[in-house]
């Protein structure tokens, strides 16, 4: 179970890191190159997108570093709860926009974050 939870944390961290590009690439370019799945980005101001990217970056770090460095490893499941809230917001936004095809990945990431939070809080917590 420990290995599975590490893999889930790594997958979530990689997904979060990949999505931080919105902090550096103009939203018009993302919308043009991302097709239908990226049109949501035009609904938000660049400042909000940079803030969201910064939070995603911090979340990616929070899923891995506390356990690796053995400094406050309880932050891993706490961060997983925050990531679940992030993806709840993303799924809600996609559902309101009627983007059913792009809703599925957000729901999968949401499920992974919930699994990680439950796993690290109750099933296989870090010793310490």
C-alpha atoms as a PDB file:
ATOM      1  CA  UNK A   1       0.000   0.000   0.000  1.00  0.00           C
ATOM      2  CA  UNK A   2       2.883   2.352   0.785  1.00  0.00           C
ATOM      3  CA  UNK A   3       4.260   1.976  -2.751  1.00  0.00           C
ATOM      4  CA  UNK A   4       0.826   2.583  -4.253  1.00  0.00           C
ATOM      5  CA  UNK A   5       0.420   5.764  -2.228  1.00  0.00           C
ATOM      6  CA  UNK A   6       3.858   6.974  -3.346  1.00  0.00           C
ATOM      7  CA  UNK A   7       2.936   6.316  -6.968  1.00  0.00           C
ATOM      8  CA  UNK A   8      -0.349   8.199  -6.577  1.00  0.00           C
ATOM      9  CA  UNK A   9       1.490  11.116  -4.953  1.00  0.00           C
ATOM     10  CA  UNK A  10       3.976  11.131  -7.841  1.00  0.00           C
ATOM     11  CA  UNK A  11       1.244  11.053 -10.490  1.00  0.00           C
ATOM     12  CA  UNK A  12      -0.616  13.916  -8.823  1.00  0.00           C
ATOM     13  CA  UNK A  13       2.588  15.927  -8.382  1.00  0.00           C
ATOM     14  CA  UNK A  14       3.493  15.419 -12.051  1.00  0.00           C
ATOM     15  CA  UNK A  15       0.015  16.475 -13.188  1.00  0.00           C
ATOM     16  CA  UNK A  16       0.167  19.569 -11.007  1.00  0.00           C
ATOM     17  CA  UNK A  17       3.642  20.503 -12.237  1.00  0.00           C
ATOM     18  CA  UNK A  18       2.575  20.054 -15.856  1.00  0.00           C
ATOM     19  CA  UNK A  19      -0.309  22.440 -15.360  1.00  0.00           C
ATOM     20  CA  UNK A  20       1.879  25.243 -13.997  1.00  0.00           C
ATOM     21  CA  UNK A  21       2.764  26.294 -17.543  1.00  0.00           C
ATOM     22  CA  UNK A  22      -0.175  28.710 -17.397  1.00  0.00           C
ATOM     23  CA  UNK A  23       2.051  30.983 -15.320  1.00  0.00           C
ATOM     24  CA  UNK A  24       4.510  31.466 -18.180  1.00  0.00           C
ATOM     25  CA  UNK A  25       2.599  30.951 -21.418  1.00  0.00           C
ATOM     26  CA  UNK A  26       0.082  33.618 -22.487  1.00  0.00           C
ATOM     27  CA  UNK A  27      -3.483  32.396 -22.062  1.00  0.00           C
ATOM     28  CA  UNK A  28      -4.301  33.190 -25.700  1.00  0.00           C
ATOM     29  CA  UNK A  29      -1.558  30.815 -26.839  1.00  0.00           C
ATOM     30  CA  UNK A  30      -2.781  28.071 -24.491  1.00  0.00           C
ATOM     31  CA  UNK A  31      -6.367  28.513 -25.694  1.00  0.00           C
ATOM     32  CA  UNK A  32      -5.275  28.391 -29.348  1.00  0.00           C
ATOM     33  CA  UNK A  33      -3.062  25.331 -29.005  1.00  0.00           C
ATOM     34  CA  UNK A  34      -5.112  23.393 -26.454  1.00  0.00           C
ATOM     35  CA  UNK A  35      -8.249  23.082 -28.510  1.00  0.00           C
ATOM     36  CA  UNK A  36     -11.646  22.737 -26.921  1.00  0.00           C
ATOM     37  CA  UNK A  37     -10.202  21.506 -23.614  1.00  0.00           C
ATOM     38  CA  UNK A  38      -8.298  24.756 -23.036  1.00  0.00           C
ATOM     39  CA  UNK A  39     -11.006  27.325 -23.742  1.00  0.00           C
ATOM     40  CA  UNK A  40     -11.770  27.700 -20.034  1.00  0.00           C
ATOM     41  CA  UNK A  41      -8.537  29.636 -19.626  1.00  0.00           C
ATOM     42  CA  UNK A  42     -10.016  32.665 -21.381  1.00  0.00           C
ATOM     43  CA  UNK A  43     -12.594  33.019 -18.583  1.00  0.00           C
ATOM     44  CA  UNK A  44      -9.893  33.954 -16.077  1.00  0.00           C
ATOM     45  CA  UNK A  45      -7.536  36.899 -15.720  1.00  0.00           C
ATOM     46  CA  UNK A  46      -3.761  36.355 -16.069  1.00  0.00           C
ATOM     47  CA  UNK A  47      -3.209  37.228 -12.399  1.00  0.00           C
ATOM     48  CA  UNK A  48      -5.599  34.515 -11.278  1.00  0.00           C
ATOM     49  CA  UNK A  49      -3.905  32.010 -13.591  1.00  0.00           C
ATOM     50  CA  UNK A  50      -0.476  32.847 -12.159  1.00  0.00           C
ATOM     51  CA  UNK A  51      -1.853  32.447  -8.630  1.00  0.00           C
ATOM     52  CA  UNK A  52      -3.429  29.116  -9.550  1.00  0.00           C
ATOM     53  CA  UNK A  53      -0.149  27.933 -11.084  1.00  0.00           C
ATOM     54  CA  UNK A  54       1.752  28.942  -7.940  1.00  0.00           C
ATOM     55  CA  UNK A  55      -0.703  27.001  -5.769  1.00  0.00           C
ATOM     56  CA  UNK A  56      -0.379  23.975  -8.046  1.00  0.00           C
ATOM     57  CA  UNK A  57       3.412  24.188  -7.797  1.00  0.00           C
ATOM     58  CA  UNK A  58       3.273  24.382  -3.999  1.00  0.00           C
ATOM     59  CA  UNK A  59       0.830  21.467  -3.928  1.00  0.00           C
ATOM     60  CA  UNK A  60       3.189  19.353  -6.050  1.00  0.00           C
ATOM     61  CA  UNK A  61       5.980  20.077  -3.580  1.00  0.00           C
ATOM     62  CA  UNK A  62       3.696  19.395  -0.610  1.00  0.00           C
ATOM     63  CA  UNK A  63       2.776  15.954  -1.899  1.00  0.00           C
ATOM     64  CA  UNK A  64       6.407  14.808  -2.052  1.00  0.00           C
ATOM     65  CA  UNK A  65       8.908  16.880  -0.066  1.00  0.00           C
ATOM     66  CA  UNK A  66       7.560  16.554   3.505  1.00  0.00           C
ATOM     67  CA  UNK A  67       7.791  12.766   3.318  1.00  0.00           C
ATOM     68  CA  UNK A  68      11.113  12.682   1.457  1.00  0.00           C
ATOM     69  CA  UNK A  69      12.741  15.143   3.850  1.00  0.00           C
ATOM     70  CA  UNK A  70      10.919  13.696   6.881  1.00  0.00           C
ATOM     71  CA  UNK A  71       9.910  17.180   7.951  1.00  0.00           C
ATOM     72  CA  UNK A  72       6.245  17.327   8.972  1.00  0.00           C
ATOM     73  CA  UNK A  73       5.166  14.350   6.830  1.00  0.00           C
ATOM     74  CA  UNK A  74       1.595  14.925   7.990  1.00  0.00           C
ATOM     75  CA  UNK A  75       1.573  17.697   5.393  1.00  0.00           C
ATOM     76  CA  UNK A  76       1.296  15.076   2.631  1.00  0.00           C
ATOM     77  CA  UNK A  77      -2.316  14.080   3.443  1.00  0.00           C
ATOM     78  CA  UNK A  78      -3.163  17.688   4.322  1.00  0.00           C
ATOM     79  CA  UNK A  79      -1.907  18.717   0.891  1.00  0.00           C
ATOM     80  CA  UNK A  80      -3.858  15.847  -0.682  1.00  0.00           C
ATOM     81  CA  UNK A  81      -7.041  17.283   0.858  1.00  0.00           C
ATOM     82  CA  UNK A  82      -6.164  20.675  -0.632  1.00  0.00           C
ATOM     83  CA  UNK A  83      -5.549  19.058  -4.023  1.00  0.00           C
ATOM     84  CA  UNK A  84      -8.933  17.335  -3.761  1.00  0.00           C
ATOM     85  CA  UNK A  85     -10.516  20.735  -3.173  1.00  0.00           C
ATOM     86  CA  UNK A  86      -8.625  22.134  -6.162  1.00  0.00           C
ATOM     87  CA  UNK A  87      -9.922  19.397  -8.431  1.00  0.00           C
ATOM     88  CA  UNK A  88     -13.418  19.741  -6.990  1.00  0.00           C
ATOM     89  CA  UNK A  89     -13.314  23.338  -8.180  1.00  0.00           C
ATOM     90  CA  UNK A  90     -11.931  22.306 -11.558  1.00  0.00           C
ATOM     91  CA  UNK A  91     -14.616  19.656 -12.025  1.00  0.00           C
ATOM     92  CA  UNK A  92     -17.323  22.091 -10.984  1.00  0.00           C
ATOM     93  CA  UNK A  93     -16.065  24.667 -13.481  1.00  0.00           C
ATOM     94  CA  UNK A  94     -15.987  22.098 -16.281  1.00  0.00           C
ATOM     95  CA  UNK A  95     -19.477  20.811 -15.414  1.00  0.00           C
ATOM     96  CA  UNK A  96     -20.882  24.349 -15.453  1.00  0.00           C
ATOM     97  CA  UNK A  97     -19.285  24.950 -18.842  1.00  0.00           C
ATOM     98  CA  UNK A  98     -20.762  21.700 -20.166  1.00  0.00           C
ATOM     99  CA  UNK A  99     -17.324  20.236 -20.915  1.00  0.00           C
ATOM    100  CA  UNK A 100     -18.210  16.585 -20.332  1.00  0.00           C
ATOM    101  CA  UNK A 101     -15.218  15.184 -22.251  1.00  0.00           C
ATOM    102  CA  UNK A 102     -12.683  17.139 -20.215  1.00  0.00           C
ATOM    103  CA  UNK A 103     -14.465  16.545 -16.907  1.00  0.00           C
ATOM    104  CA  UNK A 104     -13.271  12.935 -16.612  1.00  0.00           C
ATOM    105  CA  UNK A 105      -9.555  13.652 -15.985  1.00  0.00           C
ATOM    106  CA  UNK A 106     -10.436  16.131 -13.237  1.00  0.00           C
ATOM    107  CA  UNK A 107     -12.645  13.511 -11.575  1.00  0.00           C
ATOM    108  CA  UNK A 108      -9.850  10.933 -11.802  1.00  0.00           C
ATOM    109  CA  UNK A 109      -7.372  13.338 -10.186  1.00  0.00           C
ATOM    110  CA  UNK A 110      -9.975  14.161  -7.539  1.00  0.00           C
ATOM    111  CA  UNK A 111     -10.394  10.454  -6.756  1.00  0.00           C
ATOM    112  CA  UNK A 112      -6.618   9.986  -6.578  1.00  0.00           C
ATOM    113  CA  UNK A 113      -6.260  12.916  -4.173  1.00  0.00           C
ATOM    114  CA  UNK A 114      -9.029  11.565  -1.923  1.00  0.00           C
ATOM    115  CA  UNK A 115      -7.417   8.109  -2.025  1.00  0.00           C
ATOM    116  CA  UNK A 116      -4.048   9.611  -1.075  1.00  0.00           C
ATOM    117  CA  UNK A 117      -5.535  11.643   1.770  1.00  0.00           C
ATOM    118  CA  UNK A 118      -7.379   8.648   3.219  1.00  0.00           C
ATOM    119  CA  UNK A 119      -4.384   6.406   2.652  1.00  0.00           C
ATOM    120  CA  UNK A 120      -1.925   8.694   4.411  1.00  0.00           C
ATOM    121  CA  UNK A 121      -4.259   9.745   7.218  1.00  0.00           C
ATOM    122  CA  UNK A 122      -5.694   6.314   8.079  1.00  0.00           C
ATOM    123  CA  UNK A 123      -4.402   3.303   6.148  1.00  0.00           C
ATOM    124  CA  UNK A 124      -0.638   3.825   5.830  1.00  0.00           C
ATOM    125  CA  UNK A 125       0.408   6.994   7.676  1.00  0.00           C
ATOM    126  CA  UNK A 126       4.039   7.989   7.858  1.00  0.00           C
ATOM    127  CA  UNK A 127       5.674   6.955  11.121  1.00  0.00           C
ATOM    128  CA  UNK A 128       6.730   9.824  13.226  1.00  0.00           C
END
